């Protein structure tokens, strides 16, 4: 292999029995597994010089074994108002959004605050009261309920 590797212009080499990439003249060596490569003994190798192939300024689309840094951002991304589509799970520490949130369900472990809430179903408290503040209470919007309630009060007072 050494003689074939020496015919390659530049930094030709081969994979030895220890799975190390060795320069044809012995001038360089490297471990392919450090880059997520599994090279078989007897294959031709080629050294590409640079600061670890200068991958530090690129974001890899695929996972490289033992190199999680190749899939890690080191700055914020400006999406220029474009979408992130088909996200499986979005994990993070906080979200600051200026528009609406649309989701099928939600679970919150802390407080929820806002100006108004509109639901198409019941509002339920599993372990506490439904509390209102500032001289406000619960109000039913349908007039029918109010009339029935007033009639019940009048009937109860007559007896």
C-alpha atoms as a PDB file:
ATOM      1  CA  UNK A   1       0.000   0.000   0.000  1.00  0.00           C
ATOM      2  CA  UNK A   2       2.837   2.347   0.793  1.00  0.00           C
ATOM      3  CA  UNK A   3       4.128   2.248  -2.805  1.00  0.00           C
ATOM      4  CA  UNK A   4       0.655   2.930  -4.260  1.00  0.00           C
ATOM      5  CA  UNK A   5       0.094   5.748  -1.761  1.00  0.00           C
ATOM      6  CA  UNK A   6       3.433   7.324  -2.716  1.00  0.00           C
ATOM      7  CA  UNK A   7       2.195   7.707  -6.324  1.00  0.00           C
ATOM      8  CA  UNK A   8      -0.547  10.097  -5.164  1.00  0.00           C
ATOM      9  CA  UNK A   9       0.486  13.713  -5.622  1.00  0.00           C
ATOM     10  CA  UNK A  10       0.244  15.628  -2.376  1.00  0.00           C
ATOM     11  CA  UNK A  11      -0.216  13.906   0.927  1.00  0.00           C
ATOM     12  CA  UNK A  12      -1.183  10.344  -0.054  1.00  0.00           C
ATOM     13  CA  UNK A  13      -1.251   7.613   2.540  1.00  0.00           C
ATOM     14  CA  UNK A  14      -2.887   4.360   3.570  1.00  0.00           C
ATOM     15  CA  UNK A  15      -4.756   2.746   6.469  1.00  0.00           C
ATOM     16  CA  UNK A  16      -2.475   0.427   8.450  1.00  0.00           C
ATOM     17  CA  UNK A  17      -3.405  -2.642  10.514  1.00  0.00           C
ATOM     18  CA  UNK A  18      -4.071  -0.432  13.571  1.00  0.00           C
ATOM     19  CA  UNK A  19      -6.642   1.515  11.517  1.00  0.00           C
ATOM     20  CA  UNK A  20      -4.384   4.571  11.541  1.00  0.00           C
ATOM     21  CA  UNK A  21      -3.994   6.747   8.447  1.00  0.00           C
ATOM     22  CA  UNK A  22      -0.247   6.964   7.722  1.00  0.00           C
ATOM     23  CA  UNK A  23       1.474   9.146   5.133  1.00  0.00           C
ATOM     24  CA  UNK A  24       3.268   7.171   2.379  1.00  0.00           C
ATOM     25  CA  UNK A  25       6.626   8.517   3.520  1.00  0.00           C
ATOM     26  CA  UNK A  26       5.693   8.435   7.210  1.00  0.00           C
ATOM     27  CA  UNK A  27       5.446  12.233   7.317  1.00  0.00           C
ATOM     28  CA  UNK A  28       1.970  12.344   8.821  1.00  0.00           C
ATOM     29  CA  UNK A  29      -0.524  10.184  10.694  1.00  0.00           C
ATOM     30  CA  UNK A  30      -4.052  10.593  11.948  1.00  0.00           C
ATOM     31  CA  UNK A  31      -6.890   8.597  13.477  1.00  0.00           C
ATOM     32  CA  UNK A  32      -9.902   8.446  11.111  1.00  0.00           C
ATOM     33  CA  UNK A  33     -12.261   7.453  13.958  1.00  0.00           C
ATOM     34  CA  UNK A  34     -11.691  10.930  15.474  1.00  0.00           C
ATOM     35  CA  UNK A  35     -13.706  12.250  12.521  1.00  0.00           C
ATOM     36  CA  UNK A  36     -16.438   9.632  12.691  1.00  0.00           C
ATOM     37  CA  UNK A  37     -14.854   7.514   9.955  1.00  0.00           C
ATOM     38  CA  UNK A  38     -14.487   3.746  10.059  1.00  0.00           C
ATOM     39  CA  UNK A  39     -11.723   2.901   7.565  1.00  0.00           C
ATOM     40  CA  UNK A  40     -10.679  -0.647   6.757  1.00  0.00           C
ATOM     41  CA  UNK A  41      -7.044  -1.724   6.715  1.00  0.00           C
ATOM     42  CA  UNK A  42      -5.398  -1.434   3.306  1.00  0.00           C
ATOM     43  CA  UNK A  43      -7.429   1.477   1.956  1.00  0.00           C
ATOM     44  CA  UNK A  44      -5.875   4.591   0.458  1.00  0.00           C
ATOM     45  CA  UNK A  45      -5.918   7.730   2.602  1.00  0.00           C
ATOM     46  CA  UNK A  46      -5.341  11.371   1.772  1.00  0.00           C
ATOM     47  CA  UNK A  47      -4.411  14.107   4.221  1.00  0.00           C
ATOM     48  CA  UNK A  48      -6.283  17.351   3.851  1.00  0.00           C
ATOM     49  CA  UNK A  49      -4.445  20.050   5.730  1.00  0.00           C
ATOM     50  CA  UNK A  50      -6.050  22.871   7.644  1.00  0.00           C
ATOM     51  CA  UNK A  51      -7.342  23.548  11.126  1.00  0.00           C
ATOM     52  CA  UNK A  52      -9.271  20.267  11.472  1.00  0.00           C
ATOM     53  CA  UNK A  53     -10.409  20.777   7.885  1.00  0.00           C
ATOM     54  CA  UNK A  54     -11.713  24.167   9.009  1.00  0.00           C
ATOM     55  CA  UNK A  55     -15.029  22.606   9.993  1.00  0.00           C
ATOM     56  CA  UNK A  56     -15.369  24.956  12.949  1.00  0.00           C
ATOM     57  CA  UNK A  57     -17.216  27.550  10.853  1.00  0.00           C
ATOM     58  CA  UNK A  58     -19.706  25.106   9.320  1.00  0.00           C
ATOM     59  CA  UNK A  59     -22.876  23.582  10.711  1.00  0.00           C
ATOM     60  CA  UNK A  60     -23.147  19.932   9.707  1.00  0.00           C
ATOM     61  CA  UNK A  61     -26.508  18.556   8.583  1.00  0.00           C
ATOM     62  CA  UNK A  62     -25.694  15.044   9.814  1.00  0.00           C
ATOM     63  CA  UNK A  63     -24.348  13.737  13.107  1.00  0.00           C
ATOM     64  CA  UNK A  64     -20.632  12.892  13.176  1.00  0.00           C
ATOM     65  CA  UNK A  65     -19.627  10.340  15.832  1.00  0.00           C
ATOM     66  CA  UNK A  66     -17.743  11.923  18.751  1.00  0.00           C
ATOM     67  CA  UNK A  67     -18.145  15.431  17.251  1.00  0.00           C
ATOM     68  CA  UNK A  68     -21.330  17.024  18.660  1.00  0.00           C
ATOM     69  CA  UNK A  69     -19.707  20.449  18.231  1.00  0.00           C
ATOM     70  CA  UNK A  70     -20.195  20.150  14.456  1.00  0.00           C
ATOM     71  CA  UNK A  71     -23.983  20.324  14.997  1.00  0.00           C
ATOM     72  CA  UNK A  72     -23.936  23.178  17.529  1.00  0.00           C
ATOM     73  CA  UNK A  73     -24.681  26.840  16.889  1.00  0.00           C
ATOM     74  CA  UNK A  74     -22.512  29.418  18.623  1.00  0.00           C
ATOM     75  CA  UNK A  75     -24.624  32.468  17.761  1.00  0.00           C
ATOM     76  CA  UNK A  76     -28.240  33.483  17.222  1.00  0.00           C
ATOM     77  CA  UNK A  77     -29.876  32.714  13.874  1.00  0.00           C
ATOM     78  CA  UNK A  78     -31.820  35.425  12.031  1.00  0.00           C
ATOM     79  CA  UNK A  79     -34.391  33.538   9.935  1.00  0.00           C
ATOM     80  CA  UNK A  80     -35.379  36.711   8.008  1.00  0.00           C
ATOM     81  CA  UNK A  81     -39.078  35.983   8.757  1.00  0.00           C
ATOM     82  CA  UNK A  82     -38.828  32.464   7.316  1.00  0.00           C
ATOM     83  CA  UNK A  83     -40.397  29.424   8.981  1.00  0.00           C
ATOM     84  CA  UNK A  84     -38.965  26.418  10.773  1.00  0.00           C
ATOM     85  CA  UNK A  85     -41.072  23.563   9.410  1.00  0.00           C
ATOM     86  CA  UNK A  86     -41.533  19.952  10.504  1.00  0.00           C
ATOM     87  CA  UNK A  87     -39.878  20.429  13.900  1.00  0.00           C
ATOM     88  CA  UNK A  88     -40.197  17.258  15.990  1.00  0.00           C
ATOM     89  CA  UNK A  89     -39.689  18.661  19.493  1.00  0.00           C
ATOM     90  CA  UNK A  90     -38.637  22.207  20.239  1.00  0.00           C
ATOM     91  CA  UNK A  91     -36.583  22.377  23.458  1.00  0.00           C
ATOM     92  CA  UNK A  92     -35.300  25.524  25.072  1.00  0.00           C
ATOM     93  CA  UNK A  93     -35.380  27.857  28.048  1.00  0.00           C
ATOM     94  CA  UNK A  94     -37.748  30.628  26.960  1.00  0.00           C
ATOM     95  CA  UNK A  95     -39.779  31.917  24.030  1.00  0.00           C
ATOM     96  CA  UNK A  96     -40.449  35.568  23.220  1.00  0.00           C
ATOM     97  CA  UNK A  97     -43.111  35.741  20.518  1.00  0.00           C
ATOM     98  CA  UNK A  98     -44.833  38.801  19.081  1.00  0.00           C
ATOM     99  CA  UNK A  99     -47.664  36.882  17.372  1.00  0.00           C
ATOM    100  CA  UNK A 100     -50.176  34.173  18.199  1.00  0.00           C
ATOM    101  CA  UNK A 101     -49.509  30.661  19.443  1.00  0.00           C
ATOM    102  CA  UNK A 102     -51.570  27.858  17.965  1.00  0.00           C
ATOM    103  CA  UNK A 103     -51.428  24.381  19.480  1.00  0.00           C
ATOM    104  CA  UNK A 104     -53.701  21.420  20.127  1.00  0.00           C
ATOM    105  CA  UNK A 105     -52.950  21.103  23.865  1.00  0.00           C
ATOM    106  CA  UNK A 106     -50.742  22.745  26.458  1.00  0.00           C
ATOM    107  CA  UNK A 107     -49.356  21.965  29.874  1.00  0.00           C
ATOM    108  CA  UNK A 108     -47.921  24.685  32.082  1.00  0.00           C
ATOM    109  CA  UNK A 109     -46.145  24.192  35.390  1.00  0.00           C
ATOM    110  CA  UNK A 110     -46.075  27.866  36.376  1.00  0.00           C
ATOM    111  CA  UNK A 111     -48.400  30.864  36.256  1.00  0.00           C
ATOM    112  CA  UNK A 112     -50.253  31.963  33.139  1.00  0.00           C
ATOM    113  CA  UNK A 113     -51.073  35.646  32.807  1.00  0.00           C
ATOM    114  CA  UNK A 114     -52.690  37.783  30.150  1.00  0.00           C
ATOM    115  CA  UNK A 115     -55.565  40.119  29.367  1.00  0.00           C
ATOM    116  CA  UNK A 116     -58.396  37.843  28.221  1.00  0.00           C
ATOM    117  CA  UNK A 117     -59.065  34.162  27.762  1.00  0.00           C
ATOM    118  CA  UNK A 118     -61.696  32.690  25.469  1.00  0.00           C
ATOM    119  CA  UNK A 119     -62.408  28.982  25.542  1.00  0.00           C
ATOM    120  CA  UNK A 120     -64.778  26.670  23.713  1.00  0.00           C
ATOM    121  CA  UNK A 121     -65.038  24.391  26.735  1.00  0.00           C
ATOM    122  CA  UNK A 122     -65.047  24.391  30.521  1.00  0.00           C
ATOM    123  CA  UNK A 123     -62.537  26.131  32.746  1.00  0.00           C
ATOM    124  CA  UNK A 124     -61.589  23.650  35.462  1.00  0.00           C
ATOM    125  CA  UNK A 125     -59.482  23.843  38.608  1.00  0.00           C
ATOM    126  CA  UNK A 126     -58.311  20.489  39.950  1.00  0.00           C
ATOM    127  CA  UNK A 127     -57.084  21.678  43.361  1.00  0.00           C
ATOM    128  CA  UNK A 128     -58.102  25.277  43.898  1.00  0.00           C
ATOM    129  CA  UNK A 129     -60.695  27.987  43.616  1.00  0.00           C
ATOM    130  CA  UNK A 130     -61.641  29.991  40.567  1.00  0.00           C
ATOM    131  CA  UNK A 131     -60.942  33.463  41.946  1.00  0.00           C
ATOM    132  CA  UNK A 132     -61.812  36.895  40.571  1.00  0.00           C
ATOM    133  CA  UNK A 133     -60.416  40.233  41.767  1.00  0.00           C
ATOM    134  CA  UNK A 134     -61.282  43.952  41.728  1.00  0.00           C
ATOM    135  CA  UNK A 135     -65.056  43.713  42.419  1.00  0.00           C
ATOM    136  CA  UNK A 136     -65.679  41.414  39.491  1.00  0.00           C
ATOM    137  CA  UNK A 137     -67.457  38.084  39.582  1.00  0.00           C
ATOM    138  CA  UNK A 138     -68.754  35.368  37.334  1.00  0.00           C
ATOM    139  CA  UNK A 139     -71.395  36.394  34.829  1.00  0.00           C
ATOM    140  CA  UNK A 140     -73.535  34.224  32.571  1.00  0.00           C
ATOM    141  CA  UNK A 141     -74.060  35.912  29.222  1.00  0.00           C
ATOM    142  CA  UNK A 142     -77.442  34.353  28.420  1.00  0.00           C
ATOM    143  CA  UNK A 143     -80.489  36.313  29.651  1.00  0.00           C
ATOM    144  CA  UNK A 144     -82.472  33.093  30.194  1.00  0.00           C
ATOM    145  CA  UNK A 145     -80.191  32.032  33.049  1.00  0.00           C
ATOM    146  CA  UNK A 146     -80.540  35.397  34.770  1.00  0.00           C
ATOM    147  CA  UNK A 147     -84.355  35.261  34.598  1.00  0.00           C
ATOM    148  CA  UNK A 148     -84.462  31.743  36.029  1.00  0.00           C
ATOM    149  CA  UNK A 149     -82.113  32.791  38.841  1.00  0.00           C
ATOM    150  CA  UNK A 150     -84.218  35.875  39.687  1.00  0.00           C
ATOM    151  CA  UNK A 151     -87.436  33.779  39.675  1.00  0.00           C
ATOM    152  CA  UNK A 152     -85.816  31.260  42.051  1.00  0.00           C
ATOM    153  CA  UNK A 153     -84.891  34.067  44.456  1.00  0.00           C
ATOM    154  CA  UNK A 154     -88.430  35.502  44.364  1.00  0.00           C
ATOM    155  CA  UNK A 155     -90.043  32.103  44.948  1.00  0.00           C
ATOM    156  CA  UNK A 156     -87.664  31.356  47.807  1.00  0.00           C
ATOM    157  CA  UNK A 157     -88.478  34.671  49.509  1.00  0.00           C
ATOM    158  CA  UNK A 158     -92.272  34.143  49.340  1.00  0.00           C
ATOM    159  CA  UNK A 159     -92.217  30.871  51.223  1.00  0.00           C
END
